[in-house]
Amino acid sequence: MFLLQENIPLPEVAAQQEDDAEYIQTPADCLFKFQQRYSVHCEPESLIIQPEQTQFRSKFGPNYHPTFQVFLNTNPQIVTLIVKDQEGTETWKSSVYLPAPRTETLLRNFPAEAQVPADERLFTIRSRFIDSVSESILNKLLDKLLQQRVINDQEMESFRSKQSRADKARDMIDTVRRKGSEASSLLIAAICEEDQCLSTELNLM
């Protein structure tokens, strides 16, 4: 699901998506504010929506990545998608018809991840995350984890005291992973929100 400015050509966005992606046209008359944070909700309830919330920014390419990804529990023909602002006010709502081939493709592409616990997913990307995450993104992730109370002040100080970026990344991902699936899900969502290139490289998107 893309949140885009209306002056961005849709063919440019579509051309960058995978061959099995399909553009689904739906009414999109809505007003988003730059720097405002938005979240997506789904009826019937989805299995995963990532990220949980993101900021609407002015983007003109050259690369276009989905703003949100919605993975469904079942195989419905129609879903209702809702976008809410940071105050929880509904800014857009639309029922979307999912053509059968597209639905089957989504289910085929994401069955394994949907069934693997989030802490196990972190374990599978652990080495690549440690090697790839930048210092600036790492600090943003730590701030977000502290704000969401996934880590405490003492753990934050311990992470920041590490001399090398790799040691800090290693300590953070292992600490969160040991806290279980819920904490791991929050870290995965934070990675997707803060660094879409990294999350794509790690196959989290």
C-alpha atoms as a PDB file:
ATOM      1  CA  MET A   1       0.000   0.000   0.000  1.00  0.00           C
ATOM      2  CA  PHE A   2       1.497   3.335  -1.118  1.00  0.00           C
ATOM      3  CA  LEU A   3       0.779   6.790   0.306  1.00  0.00           C
ATOM      4  CA  LEU A   4       1.931   9.098  -2.486  1.00  0.00           C
ATOM      5  CA  GLN A   5       1.522  12.686  -3.595  1.00  0.00           C
ATOM      6  CA  GLU A   6      -0.952  13.052  -6.431  1.00  0.00           C
ATOM      7  CA  ASN A   7       1.651  14.499  -8.832  1.00  0.00           C
ATOM      8  CA  ILE A   8       3.758  11.308  -8.801  1.00  0.00           C
ATOM      9  CA  PRO A   9       3.219   9.329 -12.033  1.00  0.00           C
ATOM     10  CA  LEU A  10       1.751   5.914 -11.234  1.00  0.00           C
ATOM     11  CA  PRO A  11       3.614   4.192 -14.122  1.00  0.00           C
ATOM     12  CA  GLU A  12       6.938   5.115 -12.488  1.00  0.00           C
ATOM     13  CA  VAL A  13       5.842   3.480  -9.242  1.00  0.00           C
ATOM     14  CA  ALA A  14       4.385   0.407 -10.948  1.00  0.00           C
ATOM     15  CA  ALA A  15       7.527  -0.114 -13.037  1.00  0.00           C
ATOM     16  CA  GLN A  16       9.633  -0.607  -9.902  1.00  0.00           C
ATOM     17  CA  GLN A  17       7.422  -3.285  -8.384  1.00  0.00           C
ATOM     18  CA  GLU A  18       7.927  -7.000  -8.872  1.00  0.00           C
ATOM     19  CA  ASP A  19       6.476  -8.702 -11.930  1.00  0.00           C
ATOM     20  CA  ASP A  20       3.695 -10.355  -9.920  1.00  0.00           C
ATOM     21  CA  ALA A  21       2.538  -7.056  -8.373  1.00  0.00           C
ATOM     22  CA  GLU A  22      -0.855  -5.813  -9.511  1.00  0.00           C
ATOM     23  CA  TYR A  23      -2.184  -2.262  -9.335  1.00  0.00           C
ATOM     24  CA  ILE A  24      -5.616  -2.195  -7.673  1.00  0.00           C
ATOM     25  CA  GLN A  25      -7.505   1.006  -8.390  1.00  0.00           C
ATOM     26  CA  THR A  26      -9.570   2.432  -5.541  1.00  0.00           C
ATOM     27  CA  PRO A  27     -10.905   5.915  -4.667  1.00  0.00           C
ATOM     28  CA  ALA A  28      -8.002   7.917  -3.279  1.00  0.00           C
ATOM     29  CA  ASP A  29      -9.467  11.362  -2.645  1.00  0.00           C
ATOM     30  CA  CYS A  30      -7.901  12.215   0.704  1.00  0.00           C
ATOM     31  CA  LEU A  31      -5.693  14.852   2.305  1.00  0.00           C
ATOM     32  CA  PHE A  32      -2.482  13.894   4.067  1.00  0.00           C
ATOM     33  CA  LYS A  33      -0.230  16.382   5.814  1.00  0.00           C
ATOM     34  CA  PHE A  34       3.532  16.268   5.504  1.00  0.00           C
ATOM     35  CA  GLN A  35       5.342  15.252   8.716  1.00  0.00           C
ATOM     36  CA  GLN A  36       2.077  13.908  10.168  1.00  0.00           C
ATOM     37  CA  ARG A  37       2.191  10.249  11.239  1.00  0.00           C
ATOM     38  CA  TYR A  38      -0.336   7.734   9.885  1.00  0.00           C
ATOM     39  CA  SER A  39      -1.320   4.135  10.521  1.00  0.00           C
ATOM     40  CA  VAL A  40      -3.265   1.574   8.485  1.00  0.00           C
ATOM     41  CA  HIS A  41      -6.034  -0.672   9.776  1.00  0.00           C
ATOM     42  CA  CYS A  42      -7.820  -3.527   8.063  1.00  0.00           C
ATOM     43  CA  GLU A  43     -11.246  -5.191   8.202  1.00  0.00           C
ATOM     44  CA  PRO A  44     -11.342  -8.166   8.522  1.00  0.00           C
ATOM     45  CA  GLU A  45      -8.411  -8.096  10.935  1.00  0.00           C
ATOM     46  CA  SER A  46      -5.054  -8.713   9.254  1.00  0.00           C
ATOM     47  CA  LEU A  47      -2.256 -10.992  10.370  1.00  0.00           C
ATOM     48  CA  ILE A  48       0.466  -8.344  10.035  1.00  0.00           C
ATOM     49  CA  ILE A  49       0.526  -4.650   9.118  1.00  0.00           C
ATOM     50  CA  GLN A  50       3.968  -3.128   8.934  1.00  0.00           C
ATOM     51  CA  PRO A  51       5.123  -0.621   9.902  1.00  0.00           C
ATOM     52  CA  GLU A  52       2.663   0.142  12.684  1.00  0.00           C
ATOM     53  CA  GLN A  53       2.918   3.870  11.963  1.00  0.00           C
ATOM     54  CA  THR A  54       4.944   6.074   9.627  1.00  0.00           C
ATOM     55  CA  GLN A  55       5.455   9.717   8.748  1.00  0.00           C
ATOM     56  CA  PHE A  56       4.081  11.132   5.487  1.00  0.00           C
ATOM     57  CA  ARG A  57       7.028  12.705   3.684  1.00  0.00           C
ATOM     58  CA  SER A  58       7.506  14.500   0.388  1.00  0.00           C
ATOM     59  CA  LYS A  59       9.026  11.907  -1.965  1.00  0.00           C
ATOM     60  CA  PHE A  60       9.735  12.157  -5.669  1.00  0.00           C
ATOM     61  CA  GLY A  61      11.780   9.020  -6.282  1.00  0.00           C
ATOM     62  CA  PRO A  62      13.810   7.753  -7.992  1.00  0.00           C
ATOM     63  CA  ASN A  63      12.952   4.758  -5.785  1.00  0.00           C
ATOM     64  CA  TYR A  64       9.452   3.973  -4.543  1.00  0.00           C
ATOM     65  CA  HIS A  65       8.878   1.500  -1.711  1.00  0.00           C
ATOM     66  CA  PRO A  66       5.498   0.538  -0.209  1.00  0.00           C
ATOM     67  CA  THR A  67       4.471   2.734   2.694  1.00  0.00           C
ATOM     68  CA  PHE A  68       2.604  -0.139   4.363  1.00  0.00           C
ATOM     69  CA  GLN A  69       2.336  -3.882   3.857  1.00  0.00           C
ATOM     70  CA  VAL A  70      -0.824  -5.767   4.855  1.00  0.00           C
ATOM     71  CA  PHE A  71      -0.742  -9.553   5.220  1.00  0.00           C
ATOM     72  CA  LEU A  72      -4.112 -11.252   5.641  1.00  0.00           C
ATOM     73  CA  ASN A  73      -5.173 -14.136   7.896  1.00  0.00           C
ATOM     74  CA  THR A  74      -7.585 -15.524   5.329  1.00  0.00           C
ATOM     75  CA  ASN A  75      -8.292 -15.261   1.618  1.00  0.00           C
ATOM     76  CA  PRO A  76     -11.088 -12.653   1.409  1.00  0.00           C
ATOM     77  CA  GLN A  77     -12.375 -11.184  -1.820  1.00  0.00           C
ATOM     78  CA  ILE A  78     -12.953  -7.779  -0.260  1.00  0.00           C
ATOM     79  CA  VAL A  79     -11.090  -5.977   2.509  1.00  0.00           C
ATOM     80  CA  THR A  80     -11.676  -2.539   3.991  1.00  0.00           C
ATOM     81  CA  LEU A  81      -8.565  -0.449   4.508  1.00  0.00           C
ATOM     82  CA  ILE A  82      -8.548   2.516   6.856  1.00  0.00           C
ATOM     83  CA  VAL A  83      -5.882   5.187   7.315  1.00  0.00           C
ATOM     84  CA  LYS A  84      -5.812   7.073  10.621  1.00  0.00           C
ATOM     85  CA  ASP A  85      -3.690  10.035  11.665  1.00  0.00           C
ATOM     86  CA  GLN A  86      -1.601  10.200  14.825  1.00  0.00           C
ATOM     87  CA  GLU A  87      -4.629  11.328  16.849  1.00  0.00           C
ATOM     88  CA  GLY A  88      -6.580   8.266  15.705  1.00  0.00           C
ATOM     89  CA  THR A  89      -8.858  10.243  13.380  1.00  0.00           C
ATOM     90  CA  GLU A  90      -9.956   8.378  10.267  1.00  0.00           C
ATOM     91  CA  THR A  91      -8.609  10.201   7.190  1.00  0.00           C
ATOM     92  CA  TRP A  92      -9.366   7.621   4.487  1.00  0.00           C
ATOM     93  CA  LYS A  93     -11.437   4.454   4.188  1.00  0.00           C
ATOM     94  CA  SER A  94     -12.145   2.259   1.214  1.00  0.00           C
ATOM     95  CA  SER A  95     -13.293  -1.263   0.461  1.00  0.00           C
ATOM     96  CA  VAL A  96     -10.833  -2.983  -1.867  1.00  0.00           C
ATOM     97  CA  TYR A  97     -11.652  -5.916  -4.129  1.00  0.00           C
ATOM     98  CA  LEU A  98      -8.776  -8.412  -4.270  1.00  0.00           C
ATOM     99  CA  PRO A  99      -8.653 -10.344  -7.557  1.00  0.00           C
ATOM    100  CA  ALA A 100      -8.045 -14.038  -6.960  1.00  0.00           C
ATOM    101  CA  PRO A 101      -4.655 -14.273  -8.715  1.00  0.00           C
ATOM    102  CA  ARG A 102      -3.290 -11.381  -6.652  1.00  0.00           C
ATOM    103  CA  THR A 103      -4.540 -12.872  -3.398  1.00  0.00           C
ATOM    104  CA  GLU A 104      -3.010 -16.214  -4.226  1.00  0.00           C
ATOM    105  CA  THR A 105       0.284 -14.529  -5.036  1.00  0.00           C
ATOM    106  CA  LEU A 106       0.374 -12.754  -1.693  1.00  0.00           C
ATOM    107  CA  LEU A 107      -0.303 -15.951   0.175  1.00  0.00           C
ATOM    108  CA  ARG A 108       2.277 -17.826  -1.871  1.00  0.00           C
ATOM    109  CA  ASN A 109       4.974 -15.218  -1.335  1.00  0.00           C
ATOM    110  CA  PHE A 110       4.585 -14.872   2.417  1.00  0.00           C
ATOM    111  CA  PRO A 111       3.491 -18.106   4.040  1.00  0.00           C
ATOM    112  CA  ALA A 112       6.748 -18.915   5.811  1.00  0.00           C
ATOM    113  CA  GLU A 113       7.314 -15.514   7.404  1.00  0.00           C
ATOM    114  CA  ALA A 114       3.662 -15.291   8.447  1.00  0.00           C
ATOM    115  CA  GLN A 115       4.005 -18.490  10.462  1.00  0.00           C
ATOM    116  CA  VAL A 116       7.513 -17.953  11.878  1.00  0.00           C
ATOM    117  CA  PRO A 117       7.599 -16.170  15.270  1.00  0.00           C
ATOM    118  CA  ALA A 118       9.151 -12.713  15.140  1.00  0.00           C
ATOM    119  CA  ASP A 119      12.024 -13.660  17.450  1.00  0.00           C
ATOM    120  CA  GLU A 120      12.938 -16.482  15.061  1.00  0.00           C
ATOM    121  CA  ARG A 121      12.814 -14.066  12.139  1.00  0.00           C
ATOM    122  CA  LEU A 122      15.269 -11.812  13.974  1.00  0.00           C
ATOM    123  CA  PHE A 123      17.553 -14.770  14.522  1.00  0.00           C
ATOM    124  CA  THR A 124      17.621 -15.572  10.798  1.00  0.00           C
ATOM    125  CA  ILE A 125      18.640 -11.992   9.865  1.00  0.00           C
ATOM    126  CA  ARG A 126      20.932 -11.440  12.861  1.00  0.00           C
ATOM    127  CA  SER A 127      24.304 -11.555  11.075  1.00  0.00           C
ATOM    128  CA  ARG A 128      23.156  -9.471   8.083  1.00  0.00           C
ATOM    129  CA  PHE A 129      21.586  -6.891  10.390  1.00  0.00           C
ATOM    130  CA  ILE A 130      24.796  -6.559  12.424  1.00  0.00           C
ATOM    131  CA  ASP A 131      26.858  -6.147   9.252  1.00  0.00           C
ATOM    132  CA  SER A 132      24.506  -3.711   7.495  1.00  0.00           C
ATOM    133  CA  VAL A 133      22.771  -1.401   9.957  1.00  0.00           C
ATOM    134  CA  SER A 134      24.234   2.102  10.115  1.00  0.00           C
ATOM    135  CA  GLU A 135      25.075   3.971  13.290  1.00  0.00           C
ATOM    136  CA  SER A 136      22.405   6.606  12.690  1.00  0.00           C
ATOM    137  CA  ILE A 137      19.642   4.033  12.072  1.00  0.00           C
ATOM    138  CA  LEU A 138      20.799   2.044  15.087  1.00  0.00           C
ATOM    139  CA  ASN A 139      20.396   5.089  17.317  1.00  0.00           C
ATOM    140  CA  LYS A 140      16.909   5.734  15.924  1.00  0.00           C
ATOM    141  CA  LEU A 141      15.944   2.116  16.614  1.00  0.00           C
ATOM    142  CA  LEU A 142      17.196   2.376  20.183  1.00  0.00           C
ATOM    143  CA  ASP A 143      15.201   5.557  20.773  1.00  0.00           C
ATOM    144  CA  LYS A 144      12.068   3.918  19.389  1.00  0.00           C
ATOM    145  CA  LEU A 145      12.549   0.762  21.474  1.00  0.00           C
ATOM    146  CA  LEU A 146      12.995   2.867  24.615  1.00  0.00           C
ATOM    147  CA  GLN A 147       9.887   4.920  23.811  1.00  0.00           C
ATOM    148  CA  GLN A 148       7.864   1.734  23.325  1.00  0.00           C
ATOM    149  CA  ARG A 149       9.305   0.314  26.585  1.00  0.00           C
ATOM    150  CA  VAL A 150      10.842  -2.677  24.826  1.00  0.00           C
ATOM    151  CA  ILE A 151      14.122  -1.755  26.515  1.00  0.00           C
ATOM    152  CA  ASN A 152      14.727   0.155  29.753  1.00  0.00           C
ATOM    153  CA  ASP A 153      17.069   3.026  30.596  1.00  0.00           C
ATOM    154  CA  GLN A 154      19.754   0.709  31.947  1.00  0.00           C
ATOM    155  CA  GLU A 155      19.756  -1.379  28.771  1.00  0.00           C
ATOM    156  CA  MET A 156      19.886   1.789  26.682  1.00  0.00           C
ATOM    157  CA  GLU A 157      22.969   2.995  28.543  1.00  0.00           C
ATOM    158  CA  SER A 158      24.570  -0.417  28.120  1.00  0.00           C
ATOM    159  CA  PHE A 159      24.009  -0.332  24.354  1.00  0.00           C
ATOM    160  CA  ARG A 160      25.335   3.213  23.996  1.00  0.00           C
ATOM    161  CA  SER A 161      28.459   2.368  25.977  1.00  0.00           C
ATOM    162  CA  LYS A 162      29.592  -0.120  23.320  1.00  0.00           C
ATOM    163  CA  GLN A 163      32.618   1.121  21.429  1.00  0.00           C
ATOM    164  CA  SER A 164      31.826  -0.314  18.018  1.00  0.00           C
ATOM    165  CA  ARG A 165      28.695  -0.085  15.922  1.00  0.00           C
ATOM    166  CA  ALA A 166      28.680  -3.869  15.377  1.00  0.00           C
ATOM    167  CA  ASP A 167      28.837  -4.581  19.119  1.00  0.00           C
ATOM    168  CA  LYS A 168      25.978  -2.191  19.754  1.00  0.00           C
ATOM    169  CA  ALA A 169      23.873  -3.807  16.996  1.00  0.00           C
ATOM    170  CA  ARG A 170      24.690  -7.309  18.237  1.00  0.00           C
ATOM    171  CA  ASP A 171      23.771  -6.491  21.838  1.00  0.00           C
ATOM    172  CA  MET A 172      20.534  -4.780  20.824  1.00  0.00           C
ATOM    173  CA  ILE A 173      19.158  -7.480  18.514  1.00  0.00           C
ATOM    174  CA  ASP A 174      20.065 -10.281  20.949  1.00  0.00           C
ATOM    175  CA  THR A 175      18.484  -8.460  23.898  1.00  0.00           C
ATOM    176  CA  VAL A 176      15.245  -7.801  22.008  1.00  0.00           C
ATOM    177  CA  ARG A 177      15.157 -11.316  20.557  1.00  0.00           C
ATOM    178  CA  ARG A 178      15.378 -12.819  24.047  1.00  0.00           C
ATOM    179  CA  LYS A 179      12.391 -10.743  25.150  1.00  0.00           C
ATOM    180  CA  GLY A 180      10.119 -12.763  22.874  1.00  0.00           C
ATOM    181  CA  SER A 181       7.905 -12.429  19.830  1.00  0.00           C
ATOM    182  CA  GLU A 182       6.058  -9.225  20.773  1.00  0.00           C
ATOM    183  CA  ALA A 183       9.257  -7.267  21.434  1.00  0.00           C
ATOM    184  CA  SER A 184      10.813  -8.716  18.280  1.00  0.00           C
ATOM    185  CA  SER A 185       7.779  -7.664  16.224  1.00  0.00           C
ATOM    186  CA  LEU A 186       8.213  -4.085  17.437  1.00  0.00           C
ATOM    187  CA  LEU A 187      11.874  -4.099  16.399  1.00  0.00           C
ATOM    188  CA  ILE A 188      11.004  -5.501  12.961  1.00  0.00           C
ATOM    189  CA  ALA A 189       8.351  -2.793  12.497  1.00  0.00           C
ATOM    190  CA  ALA A 190      10.873  -0.130  13.585  1.00  0.00           C
ATOM    191  CA  ILE A 191      13.457  -1.353  11.070  1.00  0.00           C
ATOM    192  CA  CYS A 192      10.853  -1.239   8.292  1.00  0.00           C
ATOM    193  CA  GLU A 193       9.838   2.283   9.288  1.00  0.00           C
ATOM    194  CA  GLU A 194      13.296   3.777   9.733  1.00  0.00           C
ATOM    195  CA  ASP A 195      15.195   2.145   6.848  1.00  0.00           C
ATOM    196  CA  GLN A 196      13.182   0.702   3.975  1.00  0.00           C
ATOM    197  CA  CYS A 197      16.304  -0.203   2.010  1.00  0.00           C
ATOM    198  CA  LEU A 198      17.688  -2.240   4.904  1.00  0.00           C
ATOM    199  CA  SER A 199      14.345  -3.890   5.608  1.00  0.00           C
ATOM    200  CA  THR A 200      14.061  -4.882   1.930  1.00  0.00           C
ATOM    201  CA  GLU A 201      17.615  -6.250   1.982  1.00  0.00           C
ATOM    202  CA  LEU A 202      16.758  -8.284   5.091  1.00  0.00           C
ATOM    203  CA  ASN A 203      13.501  -9.502   3.497  1.00  0.00           C
ATOM    204  CA  LEU A 204      11.411  -7.922   6.236  1.00  0.00           C
ATOM    205  CA  MET A 205       9.207  -5.914   3.848  1.00  0.00           C
END
